[in-house]
C-alpha atoms as a PDB file:
ATOM      1  CA  MET A   1     118.668  68.592 109.612  1.00  0.00           C
ATOM      2  CA  ASN A   2     120.948  71.577 109.072  1.00  0.00           C
ATOM      3  CA  ASN A   3     119.246  74.657 110.565  1.00  0.00           C
ATOM      4  CA  SER A   4     121.328  77.049 108.466  1.00  0.00           C
ATOM      5  CA  ARG A   5     119.351  75.920 105.443  1.00  0.00           C
ATOM      6  CA  ASN A   6     116.123  77.287 106.984  1.00  0.00           C
ATOM      7  CA  SER A   7     117.633  80.636 107.904  1.00  0.00           C
ATOM      8  CA  PRO A   8     116.523  83.638 105.658  1.00  0.00           C
ATOM      9  CA  ALA A   9     120.118  84.495 105.008  1.00  0.00           C
ATOM     10  CA  SER A  10     120.843  81.153 103.316  1.00  0.00           C
ATOM     11  CA  LEU A  11     117.588  81.182 101.309  1.00  0.00           C
ATOM     12  CA  ILE A  12     116.707  84.781 100.475  1.00  0.00           C
ATOM     13  CA  GLU A  13     119.324  85.624  97.852  1.00  0.00           C
ATOM     14  CA  SER A  14     122.373  84.170  96.111  1.00  0.00           C
ATOM     15  CA  ASN A  15     125.337  86.287  95.141  1.00  0.00           C
ATOM     16  CA  VAL A  16     126.577  83.492  92.883  1.00  0.00           C
ATOM     17  CA  SER A  17     127.759  85.015  89.640  1.00  0.00           C
ATOM     18  CA  SER A  18     125.377  84.157  86.907  1.00  0.00           C
ATOM     19  CA  PRO A  19     126.910  82.413  83.948  1.00  0.00           C
ATOM     20  CA  SER A  20     124.902  84.648  81.530  1.00  0.00           C
ATOM     21  CA  SER A  21     125.929  87.776  79.788  1.00  0.00           C
ATOM     22  CA  ASP A  22     125.697  91.315  81.060  1.00  0.00           C
ATOM     23  CA  ASN A  23     122.192  91.675  79.528  1.00  0.00           C
ATOM     24  CA  SER A  24     120.735  89.243  82.081  1.00  0.00           C
ATOM     25  CA  LYS A  25     117.287  90.196  83.477  1.00  0.00           C
ATOM     26  CA  TRP A  26     115.251  89.004  86.402  1.00  0.00           C
ATOM     27  CA  TYR A  27     112.494  86.310  85.637  1.00  0.00           C
ATOM     28  CA  ALA A  28     110.022  84.514  87.738  1.00  0.00           C
ATOM     29  CA  LEU A  29     109.781  80.775  87.865  1.00  0.00           C
ATOM     30  CA  TYR A  30     106.638  78.968  88.951  1.00  0.00           C
ATOM     31  CA  THR A  31     107.238  75.958  91.003  1.00  0.00           C
ATOM     32  CA  ARG A  32     105.377  72.977  92.295  1.00  0.00           C
ATOM     33  CA  SER A  33     103.669  73.604  95.669  1.00  0.00           C
ATOM     34  CA  HIS A  34     106.090  73.741  98.599  1.00  0.00           C
ATOM     35  CA  PHE A  35     109.095  73.145  96.202  1.00  0.00           C
ATOM     36  CA  GLU A  36     110.406  76.858  96.363  1.00  0.00           C
ATOM     37  CA  LYS A  37     113.402  76.075  98.542  1.00  0.00           C
ATOM     38  CA  LYS A  38     114.357  72.987  96.638  1.00  0.00           C
ATOM     39  CA  VAL A  39     114.173  74.888  93.329  1.00  0.00           C
ATOM     40  CA  TYR A  40     116.226  77.744  94.918  1.00  0.00           C
ATOM     41  CA  GLY A  41     118.919  75.362  96.069  1.00  0.00           C
ATOM     42  CA  ASP A  42     119.151  73.661  92.677  1.00  0.00           C
ATOM     43  CA  LEU A  43     119.400  77.033  90.940  1.00  0.00           C
ATOM     44  CA  LEU A  44     122.363  77.777  93.206  1.00  0.00           C
ATOM     45  CA  LYS A  45     124.003  74.483  92.347  1.00  0.00           C
ATOM     46  CA  SER A  46     123.496  75.345  88.729  1.00  0.00           C
ATOM     47  CA  LYS A  47     125.295  78.669  89.270  1.00  0.00           C
ATOM     48  CA  PHE A  48     122.348  80.914  88.723  1.00  0.00           C
ATOM     49  CA  ASN A  49     121.823  84.131  90.628  1.00  0.00           C
ATOM     50  CA  ALA A  50     118.444  83.512  92.386  1.00  0.00           C
ATOM     51  CA  PHE A  51     116.220  85.222  94.803  1.00  0.00           C
ATOM     52  CA  LEU A  52     113.639  83.637  97.069  1.00  0.00           C
ATOM     53  CA  PRO A  53     111.825  86.199  99.330  1.00  0.00           C
ATOM     54  CA  LEU A  54     110.991  84.500 102.644  1.00  0.00           C
ATOM     55  CA  VAL A  55     109.029  85.910 105.613  1.00  0.00           C
ATOM     56  CA  LYS A  56     109.052  84.646 109.224  1.00  0.00           C
ATOM     57  CA  GLU A  57     105.757  83.080 110.485  1.00  0.00           C
ATOM     58  CA  TYR A  58     105.038  81.449 113.814  1.00  0.00           C
ATOM     59  CA  HIS A  59     103.460  77.927 113.394  1.00  0.00           C
ATOM     60  CA  THR A  60     101.688  76.380 116.331  1.00  0.00           C
ATOM     61  CA  TRP A  61     101.921  72.625 117.078  1.00  0.00           C
ATOM     62  CA  SER A  62     100.328  70.974 120.012  1.00  0.00           C
ATOM     63  CA  ASP A  63     103.530  71.119 122.157  1.00  0.00           C
ATOM     64  CA  ARG A  64     105.395  74.237 120.820  1.00  0.00           C
ATOM     65  CA  VAL A  65     105.341  77.433 118.686  1.00  0.00           C
ATOM     66  CA  LYS A  66     108.191  77.659 116.200  1.00  0.00           C
ATOM     67  CA  PRO A  67     109.356  80.302 113.779  1.00  0.00           C
ATOM     68  CA  VAL A  68     109.183  79.164 110.176  1.00  0.00           C
ATOM     69  CA  PHE A  69     110.480  80.961 107.090  1.00  0.00           C
ATOM     70  CA  VAL A  70     107.847  80.672 104.188  1.00  0.00           C
ATOM     71  CA  PRO A  71     107.905  82.259 100.709  1.00  0.00           C
ATOM     72  CA  LEU A  72     106.424  85.669 100.444  1.00  0.00           C
ATOM     73  CA  LEU A  73     104.970  84.680  97.204  1.00  0.00           C
ATOM     74  CA  PRO A  74     104.078  80.946  97.202  1.00  0.00           C
ATOM     75  CA  SER A  75     105.344  78.985  94.231  1.00  0.00           C
ATOM     76  CA  TYR A  76     107.546  81.842  92.917  1.00  0.00           C
ATOM     77  CA  VAL A  77     111.351  81.855  92.849  1.00  0.00           C
ATOM     78  CA  PHE A  78     113.262  84.737  90.973  1.00  0.00           C
ATOM     79  CA  VAL A  79     116.189  84.131  88.775  1.00  0.00           C
ATOM     80  CA  ASN A  80     118.578  86.546  87.008  1.00  0.00           C
ATOM     81  CA  SER A  81     119.414  85.037  83.666  1.00  0.00           C
ATOM     82  CA  GLY A  82     120.428  85.811  80.082  1.00  0.00           C
ATOM     83  CA  GLN A  83     118.418  84.455  77.137  1.00  0.00           C
ATOM     84  CA  ALA A  84     121.197  81.895  76.504  1.00  0.00           C
ATOM     85  CA  ASP A  85     120.536  80.165  79.785  1.00  0.00           C
ATOM     86  CA  MET A  86     116.814  80.098  79.741  1.00  0.00           C
ATOM     87  CA  ARG A  87     116.735  76.501  78.456  1.00  0.00           C
ATOM     88  CA  ARG A  88     118.687  75.261  81.532  1.00  0.00           C
ATOM     89  CA  LEU A  89     115.965  76.578  83.788  1.00  0.00           C
ATOM     90  CA  GLY A  90     113.461  73.931  82.447  1.00  0.00           C
ATOM     91  CA  ILE A  91     115.520  71.057  83.753  1.00  0.00           C
ATOM     92  CA  ILE A  92     115.642  72.189  87.355  1.00  0.00           C
ATOM     93  CA  SER A  93     113.519  69.694  89.180  1.00  0.00           C
ATOM     94  CA  GLY A  94     110.312  71.284  90.729  1.00  0.00           C
ATOM     95  CA  VAL A  95     110.015  74.100  88.139  1.00  0.00           C
ATOM     96  CA  VAL A  96     106.606  74.061  86.499  1.00  0.00           C
ATOM     97  CA  ARG A  97     107.217  76.898  84.022  1.00  0.00           C
ATOM     98  CA  LEU A  98     108.748  80.333  83.458  1.00  0.00           C
ATOM     99  CA  ILE A  99     106.120  83.025  84.113  1.00  0.00           C
ATOM    100  CA  SER A 100     105.086  84.279  80.611  1.00  0.00           C
ATOM    101  CA  PHE A 101     102.322  86.430  79.262  1.00  0.00           C
ATOM    102  CA  GLY A 102     101.366  86.319  75.598  1.00  0.00           C
ATOM    103  CA  GLY A 103     104.007  83.645  75.198  1.00  0.00           C
ATOM    104  CA  LYS A 104     106.803  85.933  76.166  1.00  0.00           C
ATOM    105  CA  PRO A 105     108.728  85.405  79.331  1.00  0.00           C
ATOM    106  CA  CYS A 106     107.909  88.347  81.621  1.00  0.00           C
ATOM    107  CA  GLU A 107     110.889  90.336  82.831  1.00  0.00           C
ATOM    108  CA  ILE A 108     110.759  91.457  86.475  1.00  0.00           C
ATOM    109  CA  ARG A 109     111.870  95.063  86.797  1.00  0.00           C
ATOM    110  CA  GLU A 110     114.884  95.760  89.058  1.00  0.00           C
ATOM    111  CA  ASP A 111     112.705  98.153  91.154  1.00  0.00           C
ATOM    112  CA  GLU A 112     110.218  95.312  91.823  1.00  0.00           C
ATOM    113  CA  ILE A 113     113.002  93.044  93.026  1.00  0.00           C
ATOM    114  CA  ARG A 114     114.246  95.823  95.296  1.00  0.00           C
ATOM    115  CA  LEU A 115     110.675  96.208  96.780  1.00  0.00           C
ATOM    116  CA  LEU A 116     110.491  92.529  97.510  1.00  0.00           C
ATOM    117  CA  ARG A 117     114.051  92.687  99.109  1.00  0.00           C
ATOM    118  CA  SER A 118     112.953  95.644 101.204  1.00  0.00           C
ATOM    119  CA  ILE A 119     109.793  93.832 102.476  1.00  0.00           C
ATOM    120  CA  VAL A 120     111.722  90.696 103.454  1.00  0.00           C
ATOM    121  CA  GLN A 121     114.718  92.462 104.931  1.00  0.00           C
ATOM    122  CA  HIS A 122     112.769  95.000 107.133  1.00  0.00           C
ATOM    123  CA  GLY A 123     109.705  92.864 108.273  1.00  0.00           C
ATOM    124  CA  PHE A 124     107.410  95.972 108.337  1.00  0.00           C
ATOM    125  CA  LYS A 125     105.825  95.691 111.707  1.00  0.00           C
ATOM    126  CA  ALA A 126     105.896  99.382 112.043  1.00  0.00           C
ATOM    127  CA  GLN A 127     104.607 101.380 115.062  1.00  0.00           C
ATOM    128  CA  CYS A 128     101.932 103.932 114.506  1.00  0.00           C
ATOM    129  CA  THR A 129     103.610 107.258 114.765  1.00  0.00           C
ATOM    130  CA  GLY A 130     100.707 109.646 114.111  1.00  0.00           C
ATOM    131  CA  ALA A 131      97.256 109.982 112.741  1.00  0.00           C
ATOM    132  CA  MET A 132      96.457 110.234 109.125  1.00  0.00           C
ATOM    133  CA  ASN A 133      93.223 111.111 107.460  1.00  0.00           C
ATOM    134  CA  CYS A 134      92.845 108.242 104.959  1.00  0.00           C
ATOM    135  CA  ALA A 135      90.328 105.531 104.139  1.00  0.00           C
ATOM    136  CA  VAL A 136      90.316 102.184 102.840  1.00  0.00           C
ATOM    137  CA  GLY A 137      90.842 102.238  99.050  1.00  0.00           C
ATOM    138  CA  ASP A 138      92.916 105.564  99.088  1.00  0.00           C
ATOM    139  CA  TYR A 139      96.045 105.676  97.021  1.00  0.00           C
ATOM    140  CA  VAL A 140      99.105 106.411  99.291  1.00  0.00           C
ATOM    141  CA  ARG A 141     102.878 106.826  99.273  1.00  0.00           C
ATOM    142  CA  ILE A 142     105.249 105.824 102.008  1.00  0.00           C
ATOM    143  CA  VAL A 143     107.230 108.749 103.132  1.00  0.00           C
ATOM    144  CA  ARG A 144     109.704 107.343 105.685  1.00  0.00           C
ATOM    145  CA  GLY A 145     111.793 104.178 106.032  1.00  0.00           C
ATOM    146  CA  PRO A 146     113.283 101.690 103.660  1.00  0.00           C
ATOM    147  CA  MET A 147     110.166 101.588 101.327  1.00  0.00           C
ATOM    148  CA  LYS A 148     110.103 105.438 101.075  1.00  0.00           C
ATOM    149  CA  GLY A 149     108.653 106.480  97.693  1.00  0.00           C
ATOM    150  CA  TRP A 150     106.568 103.305  97.062  1.00  0.00           C
ATOM    151  CA  GLU A 151     102.935 103.768  96.389  1.00  0.00           C
ATOM    152  CA  GLY A 152      99.948 101.506  96.866  1.00  0.00           C
ATOM    153  CA  ARG A 153      96.294 101.243  97.997  1.00  0.00           C
ATOM    154  CA  VAL A 154      95.159 101.127 101.652  1.00  0.00           C
ATOM    155  CA  GLU A 155      93.553  97.773 102.321  1.00  0.00           C
ATOM    156  CA  MET A 156      92.559  98.226 106.003  1.00  0.00           C
ATOM    157  CA  LEU A 157      93.020 100.496 108.971  1.00  0.00           C
ATOM    158  CA  CYS A 158      93.557  99.301 112.438  1.00  0.00           C
ATOM    159  CA  GLY A 159      96.181 101.577 113.970  1.00  0.00           C
ATOM    160  CA  GLN A 160      98.453 100.350 111.191  1.00  0.00           C
ATOM    161  CA  SER A 161      97.540 100.215 107.488  1.00  0.00           C
ATOM    162  CA  ARG A 162      97.874  97.377 105.130  1.00  0.00           C
ATOM    163  CA  VAL A 163      99.177  98.762 101.906  1.00  0.00           C
ATOM    164  CA  VAL A 164      98.940  96.601  98.785  1.00  0.00           C
ATOM    165  CA  PHE A 165     101.824  97.019  96.289  1.00  0.00           C
ATOM    166  CA  GLN A 166     101.504  95.730  92.804  1.00  0.00           C
ATOM    167  CA  ILE A 167     104.217  93.615  91.263  1.00  0.00           C
ATOM    168  CA  ASN A 168     103.014  94.188  87.685  1.00  0.00           C
ATOM    169  CA  SER A 169     105.451  92.120  85.899  1.00  0.00           C
ATOM    170  CA  ILE A 170     103.944  88.980  87.299  1.00  0.00           C
ATOM    171  CA  ARG A 171     100.514  90.298  88.058  1.00  0.00           C
ATOM    172  CA  GLN A 172     100.786  89.761  91.700  1.00  0.00           C
ATOM    173  CA  ALA A 173     100.180  91.868  94.760  1.00  0.00           C
ATOM    174  CA  ILE A 174     101.898  92.105  98.172  1.00  0.00           C
ATOM    175  CA  SER A 175     100.133  93.410 101.340  1.00  0.00           C
ATOM    176  CA  VAL A 176     102.471  95.118 103.840  1.00  0.00           C
ATOM    177  CA  GLU A 177     101.697  96.520 107.300  1.00  0.00           C
ATOM    178  CA  VAL A 178     102.909 100.157 107.479  1.00  0.00           C
ATOM    179  CA  GLY A 179     102.518 102.726 110.303  1.00  0.00           C
ATOM    180  CA  MET A 180      99.840 105.354 109.506  1.00  0.00           C
ATOM    181  CA  GLY A 181     102.247 108.152 110.225  1.00  0.00           C
ATOM    182  CA  ASP A 182     104.543 106.933 107.357  1.00  0.00           C
ATOM    183  CA  LEU A 183     101.955 107.419 104.735  1.00  0.00           C
ATOM    184  CA  GLU A 184     100.552 110.344 102.762  1.00  0.00           C
ATOM    185  CA  ARG A 185      97.662 110.434 100.456  1.00  0.00           C
ATOM    186  CA  VAL A 186      98.613 110.821  96.692  1.00  0.00           C
END
């Protein structure tokens, strides 16, 4: 097995030029369970600009603990495509459907893609840098670091906060650990 295929650098994002026009947009593909990496690879082979956000987890077997890169959003792969290339997405093995609401493919905003990239690239195991007077359910803004300016709701408090960010385009939420000192109440 080629270990480079399992590294985040080889699976997170493609810089392949998309064959679509300048008016290409980001879309979310829903894949068969555990087919995200295969779909991602097939998209690259088909010359699509694709994004598969992966996070490192440690899986334990009886004889070892091994780091494994798993999708941040299971069964989702993102693709930058123009309308003319949308039909080609349906022939990629493992693709179940293009995420749509009301019969219209949902476009993923560029800032949502940047948020996902930031979460993946920086890992967000931040240290607590100070106290903050907030409670579970409070709406907060991140004031430092690569996610500065993003807002979400506090999910839990334990020295670090779990802040939930909404990816409204696909009606999903991502929970990220952030140091309490990096937050301000909105």
